[in-house]
Amino acid sequence: MEIPLRAKVGARDEVTSPEAGRPIWFALKREGPDASRMNVRRSLRILLVLHVLMLVVGVALSFFDGYLLPDTLEDWKDAQINEDDLSLSDILLLALWLGCLGGYLVSVVGLFRQQRWAAWLFLAITVLELFFTLSEPSVCSGLLAAIDALALLVQGAILALCFGTDALRPENPAG
């Protein structure tokens, strides 16, 4: 049975899709198996942009963090920063941090392009960030801690979308 390209509905004509026999405007609603994949990919991209924005806001606030701390904590934090006493471990930690930042940027671009390797790089960067947290004690304001906690939640949601859904392209696409 052949599905007509035009069907009379009431007093007006509607163009129908030959595949489903439904109006074309109905197909634009993005229903079906491709719709959920598109929504997941859109959610991933929104979360990536949100995470980068939180990173920028966190770095910007870290310059003013001393003004948001009580005097005793501000004095302790200033005592920990001694530019004259730069050791080899500090230089290695800085180099590792810069490499981590570069890997983060590469992984975000790769995830935005829906590449599966970028999910593994993003996970590795996340694990590497844990070592930075354990490397030395740190003091930050409540506002910066709240932004960091929200960024960690967004980071977890990104990892959940990457590894728990089909948001990324398969490594070996069929065809």
Protein backbone atom coordinates (compact mmCIF):
# COMPACT_ATOMS: atom_id res chain seq x y z
CA MET A 1 0.00 0.00 0.00
CA GLU A 2 1.44 3.33 -1.02
CA ILE A 3 1.21 6.23 1.40
CA PRO A 4 0.02 9.42 -0.29
CA LEU A 5 2.25 12.49 -0.15
CA ARG A 6 -0.75 14.74 0.35
CA ALA A 7 -3.70 13.91 2.52
CA LYS A 8 -6.90 15.84 2.91
CA VAL A 9 -7.57 16.69 6.55
CA GLY A 10 -10.67 18.69 7.22
CA ALA A 11 -10.75 21.76 5.01
CA ARG A 12 -6.98 22.08 4.54
CA ASP A 13 -4.25 20.02 2.88
CA GLU A 14 -1.27 18.81 4.91
CA VAL A 15 1.95 17.45 3.50
CA THR A 16 2.78 14.09 5.01
CA SER A 17 6.04 12.25 5.30
CA PRO A 18 6.23 9.17 3.11
CA GLU A 19 7.81 7.07 5.90
CA ALA A 20 5.15 7.35 8.55
CA GLY A 21 2.18 8.89 6.85
CA ARG A 22 2.24 11.69 9.46
CA PRO A 23 2.43 15.41 8.80
CA ILE A 24 5.95 16.77 8.41
CA TRP A 25 5.46 19.25 11.25
CA PHE A 26 4.86 16.24 13.48
CA ALA A 27 8.26 14.84 12.54
CA LEU A 28 9.90 18.15 13.51
CA LYS A 29 8.91 17.58 17.13
CA ARG A 30 11.90 15.22 17.40
CA GLU A 31 10.11 12.22 18.70
CA GLY A 32 11.42 8.72 18.44
CA PRO A 33 14.83 7.14 19.07
CA ASP A 34 16.84 10.01 17.57
CA ALA A 35 15.08 12.58 19.74
CA SER A 36 16.40 11.19 23.02
CA ARG A 37 19.92 11.00 21.60
CA MET A 38 19.68 14.64 20.50
CA ASN A 39 18.39 15.69 23.92
CA VAL A 40 21.21 13.84 25.66
CA ARG A 41 23.80 15.41 23.36
CA ARG A 42 22.29 18.84 23.89
CA SER A 43 22.34 18.26 27.67
CA LEU A 44 25.99 17.24 27.47
CA ARG A 45 26.89 20.40 25.58
CA ILE A 46 24.94 22.59 28.01
CA LEU A 47 26.69 20.96 30.96
CA LEU A 48 30.09 21.43 29.30
CA VAL A 49 29.45 25.15 28.77
CA LEU A 50 28.20 25.45 32.35
CA HIS A 51 31.30 23.69 33.67
CA VAL A 52 33.65 25.96 31.72
CA LEU A 53 31.74 29.01 32.97
CA MET A 54 32.03 27.77 36.55
CA LEU A 55 35.76 27.29 36.03
CA VAL A 56 36.12 30.87 34.78
CA VAL A 57 34.03 32.26 37.65
CA GLY A 58 35.99 30.19 40.17
CA VAL A 59 39.34 31.41 38.87
CA ALA A 60 38.09 35.01 38.85
CA LEU A 61 36.81 34.70 42.42
CA SER A 62 40.05 33.13 43.60
CA PHE A 63 41.78 36.48 43.03
CA PHE A 64 39.37 38.08 45.52
CA ASP A 65 39.18 35.10 47.87
CA GLY A 66 41.43 36.73 50.48
CA TYR A 67 38.91 39.51 50.97
CA LEU A 68 36.14 37.00 51.64
CA LEU A 69 38.03 35.13 54.39
CA PRO A 70 38.20 36.00 58.10
CA ASP A 71 41.42 37.77 59.13
CA THR A 72 43.01 34.74 60.81
CA LEU A 73 42.47 32.49 57.80
CA GLU A 74 43.66 35.22 55.44
CA ASP A 75 46.88 35.56 57.49
CA TRP A 76 47.41 31.78 57.44
CA LYS A 77 46.84 31.64 53.68
CA ASP A 78 49.27 34.52 53.08
CA ALA A 79 51.86 32.77 55.26
CA GLN A 80 51.63 29.67 53.06
CA ILE A 81 52.44 31.65 49.92
CA ASN A 82 56.13 32.46 49.88
CA GLU A 83 57.39 33.38 46.42
CA ASP A 84 61.01 33.45 47.60
CA ASP A 85 60.94 29.80 48.61
CA LEU A 86 60.09 28.04 45.33
CA SER A 87 61.05 24.37 45.57
CA LEU A 88 61.35 21.69 42.91
CA SER A 89 58.12 20.07 44.08
CA ASP A 90 56.30 23.39 43.62
CA ILE A 91 57.60 23.67 40.05
CA LEU A 92 56.61 20.07 39.30
CA LEU A 93 53.16 20.63 40.78
CA LEU A 94 52.72 23.78 38.67
CA ALA A 95 53.82 21.95 35.51
CA LEU A 96 51.43 19.10 36.30
CA TRP A 97 48.63 21.60 36.92
CA LEU A 98 49.27 23.34 33.59
CA GLY A 99 49.27 19.96 31.82
CA CYS A 100 46.01 19.10 33.57
CA LEU A 101 44.49 22.39 32.42
CA GLY A 102 45.57 21.72 28.83
CA GLY A 103 44.17 18.19 28.98
CA TYR A 104 40.93 19.57 30.40
CA LEU A 105 40.56 22.01 27.51
CA VAL A 106 41.30 19.28 24.96
CA SER A 107 38.78 16.95 26.59
CA VAL A 108 36.06 19.63 26.66
CA VAL A 109 36.55 20.35 22.96
CA GLY A 110 36.53 16.60 22.23
CA LEU A 111 33.37 16.08 24.29
CA PHE A 112 31.71 19.00 22.56
CA ARG A 113 32.44 17.19 19.28
CA GLN A 114 31.09 13.96 20.87
CA GLN A 115 34.31 11.98 20.73
CA ARG A 116 34.54 8.92 22.96
CA TRP A 117 38.28 9.31 23.66
CA ALA A 118 37.52 12.70 25.23
CA ALA A 119 35.36 11.03 27.88
CA TRP A 120 38.32 8.91 28.98
CA LEU A 121 40.56 11.98 29.02
CA PHE A 122 37.95 13.89 31.04
CA LEU A 123 37.78 11.01 33.53
CA ALA A 124 41.59 10.92 33.83
CA ILE A 125 41.69 14.67 34.44
CA THR A 126 39.00 14.27 37.11
CA VAL A 127 41.05 11.62 38.91
CA LEU A 128 44.19 13.75 38.57
CA GLU A 129 42.35 16.67 40.20
CA LEU A 130 41.89 14.50 43.28
CA PHE A 131 45.66 14.33 43.68
CA PHE A 132 45.83 18.13 43.58
CA THR A 133 43.27 18.25 46.37
CA LEU A 134 45.35 15.85 48.44
CA SER A 135 48.69 17.58 47.72
CA GLU A 136 48.36 20.33 50.34
CA PRO A 137 45.85 21.94 52.67
CA SER A 138 43.85 24.79 51.23
CA VAL A 139 41.57 27.51 52.53
CA CYS A 140 38.84 29.16 50.49
CA SER A 141 35.74 31.21 51.13
CA GLY A 142 32.30 29.70 51.38
CA LEU A 143 31.33 31.21 48.03
CA LEU A 144 34.28 29.63 46.26
CA ALA A 145 33.63 26.31 48.02
CA ALA A 146 29.98 26.42 46.88
CA ILE A 147 31.00 27.09 43.27
CA ASP A 148 33.51 24.23 43.50
CA ALA A 149 30.84 21.88 44.87
CA LEU A 150 28.44 22.83 42.07
CA ALA A 151 31.21 22.35 39.51
CA LEU A 152 31.86 18.87 40.92
CA LEU A 153 28.17 18.03 40.56
CA VAL A 154 28.20 19.23 36.95
CA GLN A 155 31.40 17.26 36.35
CA GLY A 156 29.72 14.13 37.71
CA ALA A 157 26.70 14.72 35.47
CA ILE A 158 29.01 15.08 32.47
CA LEU A 159 30.70 11.78 33.31
CA ALA A 160 27.31 10.11 33.82
CA LEU A 161 26.13 11.30 30.39
CA CYS A 162 29.40 10.22 28.78
CA PHE A 163 29.51 6.71 30.21
CA GLY A 164 25.83 6.04 30.98
CA THR A 165 24.13 7.16 27.78
CA ASP A 166 24.67 7.14 24.03
CA ALA A 167 25.56 10.84 23.93
CA LEU A 168 28.92 10.16 22.30
CA ARG A 169 29.61 8.69 18.90
CA PRO A 170 30.64 5.03 18.86
CA GLU A 171 34.37 4.36 18.46
CA ASN A 172 33.86 2.16 15.41
CA PRO A 173 30.70 3.33 13.65
CA ALA A 174 29.03 0.72 11.50
CA GLY A 175 28.82 1.57 7.86
